[in-house]
Amino acid sequence: MPDSQPERDETPSERADRLWNEMLQEVRVCQTGAQILFGFLLSVVFTPRFTTLSDFDRHLYVATVVLGAVATATLIAPVAFHRFLIGHGVKPELVRVAGRFITTGLALLALTITTALLLLLRTALDATGWAWFLTGAVLLWFALCWLLLPQVVLRRAERRG
């Protein structure tokens, strides 16, 4: 996992501890959002309106719930890894693996939110074209905020340094 401040004077263990603490702060926000969304999604199937959904919307709901479950599990995985590996002197490896889990979990969370939005908009709007358009716009916003803008900032920093 790249370090945003390579000029720090710290041992590999101190660096791993610092990066781990930073990652925990980041993932707490994601975990909470994923868990709340997943909990809400679980309740939808028990509403009277669910039985009136089209086959496509029911399949979309199932895909959304599965994505939500996988996103939640992926975002919680670093905690489980830490619990099992603590005290074994593998924190640098833990930081690398946890970083991959968090990146994957963020992608899954974006997909979960996007499919949930599509389901909601298809149900709320009479025009399914608008539902697809608005969902696509939100997905582009995720890509812009979570992928493109960080890359722009990184490239600018690399050019300066």
C-alpha atoms as a PDB file:
ATOM      1  CA  MET A   1       0.000   0.000   0.000  1.00  0.00           C
ATOM      2  CA  PRO A   2       1.576   3.318  -1.055  1.00  0.00           C
ATOM      3  CA  ASP A   3       2.213   5.812   1.670  1.00  0.00           C
ATOM      4  CA  SER A   4       1.158   9.378   1.043  1.00  0.00           C
ATOM      5  CA  GLN A   5       4.006  10.736   3.181  1.00  0.00           C
ATOM      6  CA  PRO A   6       7.205   8.770   2.425  1.00  0.00           C
ATOM      7  CA  GLU A   7       9.391  11.353   4.209  1.00  0.00           C
ATOM      8  CA  ARG A   8       8.284  10.168   7.659  1.00  0.00           C
ATOM      9  CA  ASP A   9      10.986   8.857   9.924  1.00  0.00           C
ATOM     10  CA  GLU A  10       9.434   5.645  11.219  1.00  0.00           C
ATOM     11  CA  THR A  11      10.287   1.984  11.456  1.00  0.00           C
ATOM     12  CA  PRO A  12       8.435  -0.538   9.276  1.00  0.00           C
ATOM     13  CA  SER A  13       6.413  -1.574  12.344  1.00  0.00           C
ATOM     14  CA  GLU A  14       5.503   2.015  13.173  1.00  0.00           C
ATOM     15  CA  ARG A  15       4.523   2.607   9.559  1.00  0.00           C
ATOM     16  CA  ALA A  16       2.347  -0.515   9.511  1.00  0.00           C
ATOM     17  CA  ASP A  17       0.682   0.536  12.779  1.00  0.00           C
ATOM     18  CA  ARG A  18       0.011   4.041  11.463  1.00  0.00           C
ATOM     19  CA  LEU A  19      -1.337   2.785   8.126  1.00  0.00           C
ATOM     20  CA  TRP A  20      -3.511   0.234   9.915  1.00  0.00           C
ATOM     21  CA  ASN A  21      -5.027   2.933  12.145  1.00  0.00           C
ATOM     22  CA  GLU A  22      -5.652   5.167   9.121  1.00  0.00           C
ATOM     23  CA  MET A  23      -7.329   2.294   7.298  1.00  0.00           C
ATOM     24  CA  LEU A  24      -9.576   1.537  10.279  1.00  0.00           C
ATOM     25  CA  GLN A  25     -10.760   5.141  10.316  1.00  0.00           C
ATOM     26  CA  GLU A  26     -11.530   4.983   6.587  1.00  0.00           C
ATOM     27  CA  VAL A  27     -13.339   1.659   6.704  1.00  0.00           C
ATOM     28  CA  ARG A  28     -15.551   2.588   9.666  1.00  0.00           C
ATOM     29  CA  VAL A  29     -17.499   4.990   7.475  1.00  0.00           C
ATOM     30  CA  CYS A  30     -17.917   2.403   4.716  1.00  0.00           C
ATOM     31  CA  GLN A  31     -18.864  -0.417   7.065  1.00  0.00           C
ATOM     32  CA  THR A  32     -21.589   1.619   8.726  1.00  0.00           C
ATOM     33  CA  GLY A  33     -23.108   2.702   5.426  1.00  0.00           C
ATOM     34  CA  ALA A  34     -22.986  -0.798   3.980  1.00  0.00           C
ATOM     35  CA  GLN A  35     -24.533  -2.347   7.089  1.00  0.00           C
ATOM     36  CA  ILE A  36     -27.387   0.181   7.223  1.00  0.00           C
ATOM     37  CA  LEU A  37     -28.125  -0.224   3.509  1.00  0.00           C
ATOM     38  CA  PHE A  38     -27.986  -4.020   3.776  1.00  0.00           C
ATOM     39  CA  GLY A  39     -30.330  -4.023   6.766  1.00  0.00           C
ATOM     40  CA  PHE A  40     -32.804  -1.857   4.917  1.00  0.00           C
ATOM     41  CA  LEU A  41     -32.602  -4.067   1.833  1.00  0.00           C
ATOM     42  CA  LEU A  42     -33.391  -7.146   3.910  1.00  0.00           C
ATOM     43  CA  SER A  43     -36.671  -5.602   5.048  1.00  0.00           C
ATOM     44  CA  VAL A  44     -37.930  -4.735   1.547  1.00  0.00           C
ATOM     45  CA  VAL A  45     -38.939  -8.305   0.701  1.00  0.00           C
ATOM     46  CA  PHE A  46     -41.438  -8.265   3.591  1.00  0.00           C
ATOM     47  CA  THR A  47     -43.396  -5.242   2.340  1.00  0.00           C
ATOM     48  CA  PRO A  48     -46.712  -5.641   0.504  1.00  0.00           C
ATOM     49  CA  ARG A  49     -45.364  -3.738  -2.510  1.00  0.00           C
ATOM     50  CA  PHE A  50     -42.692  -6.378  -3.120  1.00  0.00           C
ATOM     51  CA  THR A  51     -45.236  -8.862  -4.497  1.00  0.00           C
ATOM     52  CA  THR A  52     -46.214  -6.369  -7.211  1.00  0.00           C
ATOM     53  CA  LEU A  53     -42.679  -6.019  -8.625  1.00  0.00           C
ATOM     54  CA  SER A  54     -41.952  -7.295 -12.106  1.00  0.00           C
ATOM     55  CA  ASP A  55     -39.693 -10.301 -12.580  1.00  0.00           C
ATOM     56  CA  PHE A  56     -36.880  -7.979 -13.683  1.00  0.00           C
ATOM     57  CA  ASP A  57     -37.240  -5.865 -10.536  1.00  0.00           C
ATOM     58  CA  ARG A  58     -37.309  -8.940  -8.300  1.00  0.00           C
ATOM     59  CA  HIS A  59     -34.108 -10.195  -9.907  1.00  0.00           C
ATOM     60  CA  LEU A  60     -32.631  -6.710  -9.539  1.00  0.00           C
ATOM     61  CA  TYR A  61     -33.576  -6.801  -5.853  1.00  0.00           C
ATOM     62  CA  VAL A  62     -31.904 -10.200  -5.385  1.00  0.00           C
ATOM     63  CA  ALA A  63     -28.748  -8.940  -7.126  1.00  0.00           C
ATOM     64  CA  THR A  64     -28.779  -5.837  -4.930  1.00  0.00           C
ATOM     65  CA  VAL A  65     -29.132  -7.858  -1.714  1.00  0.00           C
ATOM     66  CA  VAL A  66     -26.349 -10.241  -2.735  1.00  0.00           C
ATOM     67  CA  LEU A  67     -24.091  -7.300  -3.651  1.00  0.00           C
ATOM     68  CA  GLY A  68     -24.921  -5.706  -0.291  1.00  0.00           C
ATOM     69  CA  ALA A  69     -24.060  -8.883   1.594  1.00  0.00           C
ATOM     70  CA  VAL A  70     -20.776  -9.305  -0.254  1.00  0.00           C
ATOM     71  CA  ALA A  71     -19.892  -5.609   0.176  1.00  0.00           C
ATOM     72  CA  THR A  72     -20.600  -5.797   3.901  1.00  0.00           C
ATOM     73  CA  ALA A  73     -18.543  -8.976   4.317  1.00  0.00           C
ATOM     74  CA  THR A  74     -15.669  -7.526   2.290  1.00  0.00           C
ATOM     75  CA  LEU A  75     -15.589  -4.288   4.287  1.00  0.00           C
ATOM     76  CA  ILE A  76     -15.656  -6.182   7.593  1.00  0.00           C
ATOM     77  CA  ALA A  77     -12.981  -8.686   6.448  1.00  0.00           C
ATOM     78  CA  PRO A  78     -10.004  -6.523   7.557  1.00  0.00           C
ATOM     79  CA  VAL A  79     -11.283  -6.714  11.141  1.00  0.00           C
ATOM     80  CA  ALA A  80     -11.528 -10.508  10.982  1.00  0.00           C
ATOM     81  CA  PHE A  81      -8.059 -10.732   9.444  1.00  0.00           C
ATOM     82  CA  HIS A  82      -6.669  -8.542  12.204  1.00  0.00           C
ATOM     83  CA  ARG A  83      -8.344 -10.619  14.898  1.00  0.00           C
ATOM     84  CA  PHE A  84      -6.841 -13.865  13.563  1.00  0.00           C
ATOM     85  CA  LEU A  85      -3.400 -12.467  12.714  1.00  0.00           C
ATOM     86  CA  ILE A  86      -2.748 -10.151  15.661  1.00  0.00           C
ATOM     87  CA  GLY A  87       0.467 -10.977  17.464  1.00  0.00           C
ATOM     88  CA  HIS A  88       1.983 -12.953  14.567  1.00  0.00           C
ATOM     89  CA  GLY A  89       4.210 -10.126  13.295  1.00  0.00           C
ATOM     90  CA  VAL A  90       2.501  -9.844   9.907  1.00  0.00           C
ATOM     91  CA  LYS A  91       0.999  -6.367  10.171  1.00  0.00           C
ATOM     92  CA  PRO A  92       2.636  -5.080   6.935  1.00  0.00           C
ATOM     93  CA  GLU A  93       1.016  -7.979   5.048  1.00  0.00           C
ATOM     94  CA  LEU A  94      -2.226  -7.352   6.903  1.00  0.00           C
ATOM     95  CA  VAL A  95      -2.165  -3.715   5.784  1.00  0.00           C
ATOM     96  CA  ARG A  96      -1.682  -4.753   2.127  1.00  0.00           C
ATOM     97  CA  VAL A  97      -4.467  -7.343   2.200  1.00  0.00           C
ATOM     98  CA  ALA A  98      -6.823  -5.044   4.110  1.00  0.00           C
ATOM     99  CA  GLY A  99      -6.195  -2.320   1.535  1.00  0.00           C
ATOM    100  CA  ARG A 100      -7.304  -4.682  -1.215  1.00  0.00           C
ATOM    101  CA  PHE A 101     -10.388  -5.680   0.774  1.00  0.00           C
ATOM    102  CA  ILE A 102     -11.325  -2.048   1.308  1.00  0.00           C
ATOM    103  CA  THR A 103     -10.859  -1.172  -2.369  1.00  0.00           C
ATOM    104  CA  THR A 104     -12.951  -4.173  -3.425  1.00  0.00           C
ATOM    105  CA  GLY A 105     -15.555  -3.405  -0.759  1.00  0.00           C
ATOM    106  CA  LEU A 106     -15.868   0.183  -1.990  1.00  0.00           C
ATOM    107  CA  ALA A 107     -16.472  -1.032  -5.541  1.00  0.00           C
ATOM    108  CA  LEU A 108     -19.090  -3.499  -4.306  1.00  0.00           C
ATOM    109  CA  LEU A 109     -20.709  -0.804  -2.176  1.00  0.00           C
ATOM    110  CA  ALA A 110     -20.926   1.515  -5.194  1.00  0.00           C
ATOM    111  CA  LEU A 111     -22.570  -1.279  -7.189  1.00  0.00           C
ATOM    112  CA  THR A 112     -24.973  -2.011  -4.326  1.00  0.00           C
ATOM    113  CA  ILE A 113     -25.999   1.632  -4.068  1.00  0.00           C
ATOM    114  CA  THR A 114     -26.355   1.875  -7.836  1.00  0.00           C
ATOM    115  CA  THR A 115     -28.559  -1.217  -8.168  1.00  0.00           C
ATOM    116  CA  ALA A 116     -30.632  -0.152  -5.144  1.00  0.00           C
ATOM    117  CA  LEU A 117     -31.097   3.255  -6.766  1.00  0.00           C
ATOM    118  CA  LEU A 118     -32.141   1.659 -10.044  1.00  0.00           C
ATOM    119  CA  LEU A 119     -34.712  -0.495  -8.250  1.00  0.00           C
ATOM    120  CA  LEU A 120     -36.037   2.485  -6.310  1.00  0.00           C
ATOM    121  CA  LEU A 121     -36.257   4.729  -9.393  1.00  0.00           C
ATOM    122  CA  ARG A 122     -37.880   2.012 -11.508  1.00  0.00           C
ATOM    123  CA  THR A 123     -40.500   1.648  -8.774  1.00  0.00           C
ATOM    124  CA  ALA A 124     -40.968   5.379  -8.142  1.00  0.00           C
ATOM    125  CA  LEU A 125     -40.972   6.665 -11.738  1.00  0.00           C
ATOM    126  CA  ASP A 126     -43.297   5.660 -14.503  1.00  0.00           C
ATOM    127  CA  ALA A 127     -40.581   6.260 -17.094  1.00  0.00           C
ATOM    128  CA  THR A 128     -37.973   3.508 -16.789  1.00  0.00           C
ATOM    129  CA  GLY A 129     -35.753   5.379 -19.231  1.00  0.00           C
ATOM    130  CA  TRP A 130     -35.317   8.110 -16.633  1.00  0.00           C
ATOM    131  CA  ALA A 131     -34.520   5.518 -13.990  1.00  0.00           C
ATOM    132  CA  TRP A 132     -31.714   4.107 -16.135  1.00  0.00           C
ATOM    133  CA  PHE A 133     -30.451   7.580 -17.065  1.00  0.00           C
ATOM    134  CA  LEU A 134     -30.368   8.847 -13.479  1.00  0.00           C
ATOM    135  CA  THR A 135     -28.762   5.637 -12.226  1.00  0.00           C
ATOM    136  CA  GLY A 136     -26.111   5.894 -14.935  1.00  0.00           C
ATOM    137  CA  ALA A 137     -25.444   9.503 -13.908  1.00  0.00           C
ATOM    138  CA  VAL A 138     -24.993   8.454 -10.273  1.00  0.00           C
ATOM    139  CA  LEU A 139     -22.659   5.626 -11.312  1.00  0.00           C
ATOM    140  CA  LEU A 140     -20.606   8.146 -13.295  1.00  0.00           C
ATOM    141  CA  TRP A 141     -20.496  10.368 -10.208  1.00  0.00           C
ATOM    142  CA  PHE A 142     -19.114   7.461  -8.170  1.00  0.00           C
ATOM    143  CA  ALA A 143     -16.484   6.836 -10.843  1.00  0.00           C
ATOM    144  CA  LEU A 144     -15.562  10.514 -10.898  1.00  0.00           C
ATOM    145  CA  CYS A 145     -15.315  10.920  -7.110  1.00  0.00           C
ATOM    146  CA  TRP A 146     -13.835   7.540  -6.214  1.00  0.00           C
ATOM    147  CA  LEU A 147     -11.620   6.768  -9.220  1.00  0.00           C
ATOM    148  CA  LEU A 148     -10.911   9.658 -11.554  1.00  0.00           C
ATOM    149  CA  LEU A 149     -10.347  12.542  -9.122  1.00  0.00           C
ATOM    150  CA  PRO A 150      -7.935  10.582  -6.881  1.00  0.00           C
ATOM    151  CA  GLN A 151      -5.942   9.655  -9.998  1.00  0.00           C
ATOM    152  CA  VAL A 152      -5.831  13.313 -11.077  1.00  0.00           C
ATOM    153  CA  VAL A 153      -4.572  14.380  -7.641  1.00  0.00           C
ATOM    154  CA  LEU A 154      -1.963  11.587  -7.645  1.00  0.00           C
ATOM    155  CA  ARG A 155      -0.666  12.506 -11.110  1.00  0.00           C
ATOM    156  CA  ARG A 156      -0.417  16.179 -10.177  1.00  0.00           C
ATOM    157  CA  ALA A 157       1.513  15.290  -7.030  1.00  0.00           C
ATOM    158  CA  GLU A 158       3.860  13.029  -9.026  1.00  0.00           C
ATOM    159  CA  ARG A 159       4.563  15.843 -11.515  1.00  0.00           C
ATOM    160  CA  ARG A 160       5.384  18.256  -8.693  1.00  0.00           C
ATOM    161  CA  GLY A 161       7.578  15.813  -6.823  1.00  0.00           C
END
